[in-house]
């Protein structure tokens, strides 16, 4: 599946330059590296003109791999405003600093075009490799970089096709599956899955897969029927989804599962606007334990991700790849999420506390 933007030109290769100039690839490579011995002025001028005409932009990193490493790691963060992402970056930075590597990073604001621009900017700075928390919309581009010999590790979010690039992630499927099982043991009869768009973000759709399978196993229900994709920029959209879920529950004990911390916060705000209490009839839980979850009465049940360790393991794997120039199969490292049980999913506690 291609994720190229409309109107985007294909990346020009050195082979195309050689073909257009009617010279060998080796000749083009020597020109790019400033090795003009035995090269006529006519050939130099021709290559300069062809490169300018085609808009060819050589990968500085691919060239520098043949030379001494720079000691700099490039890092792309989808959204530094997320506490998860900032902690991942801290793990990357701390580990790299221990081994004498510097880190250059770019915050791309979940913008796929800016992701590509930022990656190219980092490559132009001759980084030794890249750690990417991707938008999920540039799979083809990332694979093309791998084909050029660029070392890449994906942090938290993988490609739509697994096992193509080194990846460090949370055990999203298993953790969600186990939490839904726990909710069934607590006596809930329905569970709603509240999420942002999950079409290209692997962590989100893997959690949804775990949710669907667990709903079928423990509730004998189709999880898609209680899945709500909300727009965090539109509070009305969140409120409408909450009303629909509460109404469909018909007074039976129900629980809300949120795909991540920002969605959890958005849903809690929506519940407050609609005067929906956490109660024996309405529980709530979700991914990410961001401190405040334990402070909101009666305490919000969460799945704690190893954010810092995700950063450390990503940096460790990338540096291993940089030091080893041999062939390797892409690695997929899953870090376990920990279930932190609190009052928001304990109907008995809420009943005894008469929590309202």
Protein backbone atom coordinates (compact mmCIF):
# COMPACT_ATOMS: atom_id res chain seq x y z
CA UNK A 1 0.00 0.00 0.00
CA UNK A 2 1.54 3.30 -1.10
CA UNK A 3 1.49 6.29 1.21
CA UNK A 4 2.92 8.80 -1.25
CA UNK A 5 1.26 12.17 -1.28
CA UNK A 6 -0.62 13.30 -4.35
CA UNK A 7 1.73 14.89 -6.85
CA UNK A 8 4.86 13.67 -5.09
CA UNK A 9 7.77 12.84 -7.42
CA UNK A 10 9.53 9.53 -7.14
CA UNK A 11 12.93 9.76 -5.52
CA UNK A 12 15.58 10.06 -8.25
CA UNK A 13 18.25 7.36 -8.04
CA UNK A 14 21.91 7.36 -9.00
CA UNK A 15 21.06 4.81 -11.72
CA UNK A 16 18.71 7.30 -13.38
CA UNK A 17 21.44 9.96 -13.35
CA UNK A 18 23.89 7.53 -14.95
CA UNK A 19 21.38 6.52 -17.63
CA UNK A 20 20.46 10.12 -18.47
CA UNK A 21 24.12 11.14 -18.74
CA UNK A 22 25.04 7.93 -20.56
CA UNK A 23 27.85 7.17 -18.13
CA UNK A 24 28.46 4.41 -15.59
CA UNK A 25 27.11 4.45 -12.03
CA UNK A 26 30.72 4.39 -10.85
CA UNK A 27 31.45 7.60 -12.75
CA UNK A 28 28.48 9.33 -11.11
CA UNK A 29 29.59 8.09 -7.69
CA UNK A 30 33.14 9.40 -8.25
CA UNK A 31 31.74 12.78 -9.30
CA UNK A 32 29.54 12.99 -6.18
CA UNK A 33 32.52 12.20 -3.97
CA UNK A 34 34.73 14.81 -5.65
CA UNK A 35 37.07 12.29 -7.26
CA UNK A 36 37.68 13.96 -10.60
CA UNK A 37 40.86 12.09 -11.57
CA UNK A 38 40.65 10.82 -15.15
CA UNK A 39 37.34 12.70 -15.60
CA UNK A 40 37.08 15.26 -18.39
CA UNK A 41 35.68 18.74 -17.89
CA UNK A 42 32.98 17.84 -20.40
CA UNK A 43 31.84 14.87 -18.25
CA UNK A 44 31.88 16.97 -15.08
CA UNK A 45 29.76 19.67 -16.71
CA UNK A 46 27.38 17.08 -18.14
CA UNK A 47 26.86 15.41 -14.75
CA UNK A 48 26.33 18.77 -13.07
CA UNK A 49 23.64 19.64 -15.62
CA UNK A 50 21.88 16.25 -15.41
CA UNK A 51 21.86 16.25 -11.60
CA UNK A 52 20.39 19.74 -11.63
CA UNK A 53 17.78 18.81 -14.26
CA UNK A 54 16.62 15.66 -12.45
CA UNK A 55 16.76 17.25 -9.01
CA UNK A 56 18.87 14.37 -7.76
CA UNK A 57 19.67 14.58 -4.05
CA UNK A 58 22.22 12.02 -2.84
CA UNK A 59 21.78 10.46 0.57
CA UNK A 60 24.57 11.89 2.69
CA UNK A 61 24.08 9.11 5.21
CA UNK A 62 24.41 6.33 2.63
CA UNK A 63 27.66 7.94 1.46
CA UNK A 64 28.95 8.50 4.98
CA UNK A 65 28.37 4.85 5.91
CA UNK A 66 31.46 4.09 3.83
CA UNK A 67 33.43 6.59 5.88
CA UNK A 68 33.81 7.18 9.60
CA UNK A 69 30.62 7.35 11.65
CA UNK A 70 29.54 10.79 12.85
CA UNK A 71 28.57 9.74 16.40
CA UNK A 72 25.15 11.37 15.96
CA UNK A 73 21.76 9.63 16.10
CA UNK A 74 18.72 11.13 14.37
CA UNK A 75 15.34 10.86 16.10
CA UNK A 76 11.86 11.58 14.74
CA UNK A 77 9.07 12.06 17.31
CA UNK A 78 5.45 12.09 16.08
CA UNK A 79 4.18 14.34 18.88
CA UNK A 80 6.48 15.60 21.63
CA UNK A 81 3.43 16.96 23.45
CA UNK A 82 2.49 13.42 24.43
CA UNK A 83 4.03 12.42 27.78
CA UNK A 84 4.66 8.96 26.31
CA UNK A 85 6.76 10.39 23.47
CA UNK A 86 8.76 12.75 25.66
CA UNK A 87 9.69 9.89 27.99
CA UNK A 88 10.68 7.72 25.01
CA UNK A 89 12.96 10.53 23.85
CA UNK A 90 14.52 10.78 27.31
CA UNK A 91 15.30 7.05 27.23
CA UNK A 92 16.91 7.42 23.80
CA UNK A 93 18.95 10.45 24.85
CA UNK A 94 20.14 8.95 28.15
CA UNK A 95 21.32 5.71 26.56
CA UNK A 96 23.02 7.45 23.63
CA UNK A 97 24.81 9.88 25.94
CA UNK A 98 26.17 6.99 28.00
CA UNK A 99 27.80 5.58 24.86
CA UNK A 100 29.09 8.93 23.62
CA UNK A 101 26.46 9.52 20.93
CA UNK A 102 24.70 12.83 20.43
CA UNK A 103 21.01 12.98 19.49
CA UNK A 104 19.38 15.29 16.97
CA UNK A 105 15.60 15.12 17.08
CA UNK A 106 12.64 16.61 15.26
CA UNK A 107 9.06 16.93 16.46
CA UNK A 108 6.82 16.45 13.41
CA UNK A 109 3.39 17.10 14.92
CA UNK A 110 1.94 13.93 13.35
CA UNK A 111 2.44 15.48 9.88
CA UNK A 112 3.54 12.82 7.33
CA UNK A 113 5.02 15.36 4.89
CA UNK A 114 7.00 17.05 7.63
CA UNK A 115 8.14 13.58 8.72
CA UNK A 116 9.84 13.05 5.36
CA UNK A 117 11.31 16.54 5.32
CA UNK A 118 12.69 16.11 8.83
CA UNK A 119 14.20 12.73 8.02
CA UNK A 120 15.96 14.20 4.98
CA UNK A 121 17.22 17.09 7.09
CA UNK A 122 18.69 14.65 9.61
CA UNK A 123 20.29 12.63 6.82
CA UNK A 124 21.83 15.81 5.45
CA UNK A 125 23.44 16.23 8.86
CA UNK A 126 25.10 12.83 8.36
CA UNK A 127 23.53 11.01 11.31
CA UNK A 128 24.65 7.41 11.76
CA UNK A 129 21.10 6.07 11.93
CA UNK A 130 17.50 6.93 12.68
CA UNK A 131 15.03 6.16 15.46
CA UNK A 132 11.55 6.95 14.17
CA UNK A 133 8.24 7.29 15.99
CA UNK A 134 6.38 7.39 12.70
CA UNK A 135 3.05 8.87 11.61
CA UNK A 136 2.29 5.52 9.97
CA UNK A 137 1.81 7.12 6.54
CA UNK A 138 5.30 6.82 5.07
CA UNK A 139 5.91 3.06 4.97
CA UNK A 140 7.16 3.02 1.37
CA UNK A 141 9.52 5.92 2.00
CA UNK A 142 11.00 4.30 5.12
CA UNK A 143 11.55 1.03 3.27
CA UNK A 144 13.28 2.91 0.45
CA UNK A 145 15.69 4.38 3.01
CA UNK A 146 16.41 0.90 4.34
CA UNK A 147 17.20 -0.22 0.78
CA UNK A 148 19.78 2.57 0.59
CA UNK A 149 21.59 1.10 3.59
CA UNK A 150 20.29 3.50 6.21
CA UNK A 151 19.94 1.99 9.68
CA UNK A 152 16.43 2.53 11.09
CA UNK A 153 14.66 1.45 14.29
CA UNK A 154 10.96 2.19 14.76
CA UNK A 155 9.92 3.19 18.28
CA UNK A 156 6.39 2.25 19.46
CA UNK A 157 4.77 2.36 16.01
CA UNK A 158 5.58 -0.26 13.39
CA UNK A 159 4.87 -0.61 9.68
CA UNK A 160 1.57 -1.91 8.32
CA UNK A 161 3.52 -4.96 7.11
CA UNK A 162 5.36 -6.46 10.11
CA UNK A 163 8.97 -7.65 10.27
CA UNK A 164 10.27 -5.27 7.61
CA UNK A 165 12.17 -2.90 9.92
CA UNK A 166 13.60 -3.19 13.43
CA UNK A 167 10.83 -2.24 15.87
CA UNK A 168 10.46 -1.77 19.63
CA UNK A 169 6.85 -1.69 20.84
CA UNK A 170 4.46 -2.50 23.69
CA UNK A 171 2.63 -5.86 23.75
CA UNK A 172 -0.47 -3.97 22.63
CA UNK A 173 -2.60 -6.94 21.60
CA UNK A 174 -1.99 -9.11 24.66
CA UNK A 175 -2.28 -6.27 27.17
CA UNK A 176 -5.62 -5.14 25.76
CA UNK A 177 -6.93 -8.70 25.54
CA UNK A 178 -6.07 -9.34 29.19
CA UNK A 179 -7.68 -6.08 30.35
CA UNK A 180 -10.95 -6.92 28.59
CA UNK A 181 -10.84 -10.32 30.27
CA UNK A 182 -10.39 -8.57 33.62
CA UNK A 183 -13.43 -6.37 32.89
CA UNK A 184 -15.55 -9.44 32.23
CA UNK A 185 -14.42 -10.89 35.58
CA UNK A 186 -15.51 -7.66 37.25
CA UNK A 187 -19.07 -8.25 36.04
CA UNK A 188 -19.36 -5.69 33.25
CA UNK A 189 -21.77 -6.61 30.46
CA UNK A 190 -20.57 -4.21 27.77
CA UNK A 191 -17.26 -2.55 26.95
CA UNK A 192 -16.78 0.44 24.67
CA UNK A 193 -13.51 1.01 22.81
CA UNK A 194 -12.84 4.76 22.47
CA UNK A 195 -10.03 5.66 20.10
CA UNK A 196 -8.55 8.25 17.79
CA UNK A 197 -8.19 7.32 14.11
CA UNK A 198 -6.45 3.95 14.03
CA UNK A 199 -6.19 3.26 10.30
CA UNK A 200 -2.39 3.64 10.12
CA UNK A 201 -1.12 3.73 13.72
CA UNK A 202 -0.02 0.17 14.53
CA UNK A 203 -0.25 0.52 18.31
CA UNK A 204 -3.90 1.56 18.02
CA UNK A 205 -5.10 -1.07 15.59
CA UNK A 206 -3.24 -3.84 17.41
CA UNK A 207 -5.04 -2.81 20.61
CA UNK A 208 -8.30 -2.89 18.69
CA UNK A 209 -7.53 -6.39 17.43
CA UNK A 210 -6.95 -7.53 21.01
CA UNK A 211 -10.18 -5.83 22.06
CA UNK A 212 -12.23 -7.49 19.30
CA UNK A 213 -10.89 -10.97 20.02
CA UNK A 214 -11.42 -10.63 23.77
CA UNK A 215 -14.95 -9.29 23.28
CA UNK A 216 -15.80 -12.32 21.19
CA UNK A 217 -14.27 -14.72 23.72
CA UNK A 218 -15.51 -13.26 26.99
CA UNK A 219 -18.63 -11.31 26.01
CA UNK A 220 -19.75 -13.15 22.87
CA UNK A 221 -20.08 -9.73 21.24
CA UNK A 222 -18.74 -8.04 18.11
CA UNK A 223 -16.33 -5.40 19.42
CA UNK A 224 -16.77 -3.30 16.27
CA UNK A 225 -20.32 -2.52 17.40
CA UNK A 226 -19.00 -0.82 20.54
CA UNK A 227 -16.02 0.91 18.92
CA UNK A 228 -16.10 4.71 18.82
CA UNK A 229 -13.58 6.67 16.74
CA UNK A 230 -13.54 10.18 18.18
CA UNK A 231 -12.05 13.48 17.06
CA UNK A 232 -10.18 15.03 19.96
CA UNK A 233 -10.48 18.46 18.35
CA UNK A 234 -14.29 18.18 18.42
CA UNK A 235 -15.71 17.84 21.97
CA UNK A 236 -19.22 17.44 20.54
CA UNK A 237 -18.09 14.31 18.74
CA UNK A 238 -16.81 12.83 22.00
CA UNK A 239 -20.03 13.77 23.80
CA UNK A 240 -22.20 12.19 21.10
CA UNK A 241 -20.22 8.94 21.29
CA UNK A 242 -20.55 8.85 25.09
CA UNK A 243 -24.31 9.42 24.90
CA UNK A 244 -24.66 6.63 22.36
CA UNK A 245 -22.65 4.16 24.44
CA UNK A 246 -24.49 4.97 27.68
CA UNK A 247 -27.87 4.73 25.96
CA UNK A 248 -27.08 1.38 24.33
CA UNK A 249 -25.98 -0.05 27.69
CA UNK A 250 -29.58 0.10 28.96
CA UNK A 251 -28.54 0.45 32.57
CA UNK A 252 -26.38 -2.70 32.54
CA UNK A 253 -22.87 -2.43 34.05
CA UNK A 254 -20.63 -1.07 31.29
CA UNK A 255 -17.02 0.06 31.02
CA UNK A 256 -15.09 2.34 28.69
CA UNK A 257 -11.64 1.39 27.41
CA UNK A 258 -9.55 4.25 25.96
CA UNK A 259 -6.79 3.59 23.46
CA UNK A 260 -4.25 5.98 25.04
CA UNK A 261 -3.76 8.70 27.62
CA UNK A 262 -4.90 11.66 25.54
CA UNK A 263 -8.10 9.81 24.62
CA UNK A 264 -8.66 8.92 28.28
CA UNK A 265 -8.38 12.57 29.26
CA UNK A 266 -10.73 13.64 26.47
CA UNK A 267 -13.34 11.05 27.50
CA UNK A 268 -13.11 12.08 31.18
CA UNK A 269 -13.74 15.70 30.15
CA UNK A 270 -16.72 14.52 28.13
CA UNK A 271 -18.12 12.57 31.07
CA UNK A 272 -17.84 15.68 33.22
CA UNK A 273 -19.65 17.82 30.64
CA UNK A 274 -22.47 15.25 30.44
CA UNK A 275 -22.61 14.58 34.20
CA UNK A 276 -21.75 10.90 33.68
CA UNK A 277 -20.28 9.61 36.93
CA UNK A 278 -17.79 6.81 37.38
CA UNK A 279 -20.05 4.37 39.20
CA UNK A 280 -20.88 0.67 39.61
CA UNK A 281 -22.79 1.05 36.33
CA UNK A 282 -20.07 2.90 34.41
CA UNK A 283 -16.37 2.06 34.70
CA UNK A 284 -13.43 3.47 32.76
CA UNK A 285 -9.84 2.42 32.04
CA UNK A 286 -7.20 2.68 29.35
CA UNK A 287 -3.59 2.78 28.22
CA UNK A 288 -1.00 5.13 29.77
CA UNK A 289 -0.52 5.82 33.46
CA UNK A 290 0.34 9.53 33.51
CA UNK A 291 0.33 10.29 37.22
CA UNK A 292 -2.97 12.13 37.33
CA UNK A 293 -4.81 8.83 36.74
CA UNK A 294 -4.18 7.86 40.36
CA UNK A 295 -5.33 11.28 41.62
CA UNK A 296 -8.75 11.35 39.96
CA UNK A 297 -11.28 9.76 42.38
CA UNK A 298 -11.66 6.82 42.66
CA UNK A 299 -8.37 6.20 40.79
CA UNK A 300 -8.35 5.24 37.09
CA UNK A 301 -7.34 1.70 36.09
CA UNK A 302 -4.55 1.86 33.51
CA UNK A 303 -2.09 -0.14 31.48
CA UNK A 304 1.37 1.27 32.20
CA UNK A 305 3.72 1.29 29.22
CA UNK A 306 7.48 1.02 29.55
CA UNK A 307 7.98 4.35 27.79
CA UNK A 308 11.53 5.00 29.01
CA UNK A 309 12.58 1.41 28.29
CA UNK A 310 11.13 1.71 24.79
CA UNK A 311 13.54 4.57 24.17
CA UNK A 312 16.49 2.72 25.72
CA UNK A 313 15.87 -0.48 23.74
CA UNK A 314 15.40 1.47 20.50
CA UNK A 315 18.73 3.25 20.98
CA UNK A 316 20.49 0.05 22.02
CA UNK A 317 19.26 -1.82 18.94
CA UNK A 318 20.17 0.99 16.56
CA UNK A 319 23.71 1.34 17.92
CA UNK A 320 24.15 -2.43 17.60
CA UNK A 321 23.15 -2.16 13.94
CA UNK A 322 25.51 0.77 13.36
CA UNK A 323 28.46 -1.17 14.77
CA UNK A 324 27.65 -4.33 12.80
CA UNK A 325 27.77 -3.84 9.03
CA UNK A 326 26.64 -7.41 8.30
CA UNK A 327 23.26 -8.62 7.06
CA UNK A 328 20.51 -9.18 9.63
CA UNK A 329 16.84 -10.07 9.93
CA UNK A 330 14.69 -7.23 11.36
CA UNK A 331 14.06 -7.62 15.08
CA UNK A 332 10.71 -7.05 16.82
CA UNK A 333 10.96 -6.37 20.55
CA UNK A 334 7.78 -6.29 22.65
CA UNK A 335 7.80 -4.70 26.08
CA UNK A 336 5.11 -5.82 28.57
CA UNK A 337 2.49 -3.35 29.77
CA UNK A 338 1.51 -3.62 33.44
CA UNK A 339 -2.12 -3.55 34.54
CA UNK A 340 -2.63 -1.14 37.45
CA UNK A 341 -6.03 -1.90 39.00
CA UNK A 342 -7.83 0.99 40.66
CA UNK A 343 -11.34 1.89 41.76
CA UNK A 344 -12.67 2.97 38.36
CA UNK A 345 -13.15 -0.69 37.33
CA UNK A 346 -14.15 -2.11 40.72
CA UNK A 347 -17.96 -2.04 41.00
CA UNK A 348 -17.87 -3.50 44.52
CA UNK A 349 -15.53 -0.75 45.75
CA UNK A 350 -17.65 1.92 44.08
CA UNK A 351 -20.84 0.48 45.58
CA UNK A 352 -19.39 0.29 49.09
CA UNK A 353 -17.93 3.79 48.82
CA UNK A 354 -21.23 5.06 47.45
CA UNK A 355 -19.06 6.96 44.96
CA UNK A 356 -20.88 9.53 42.87
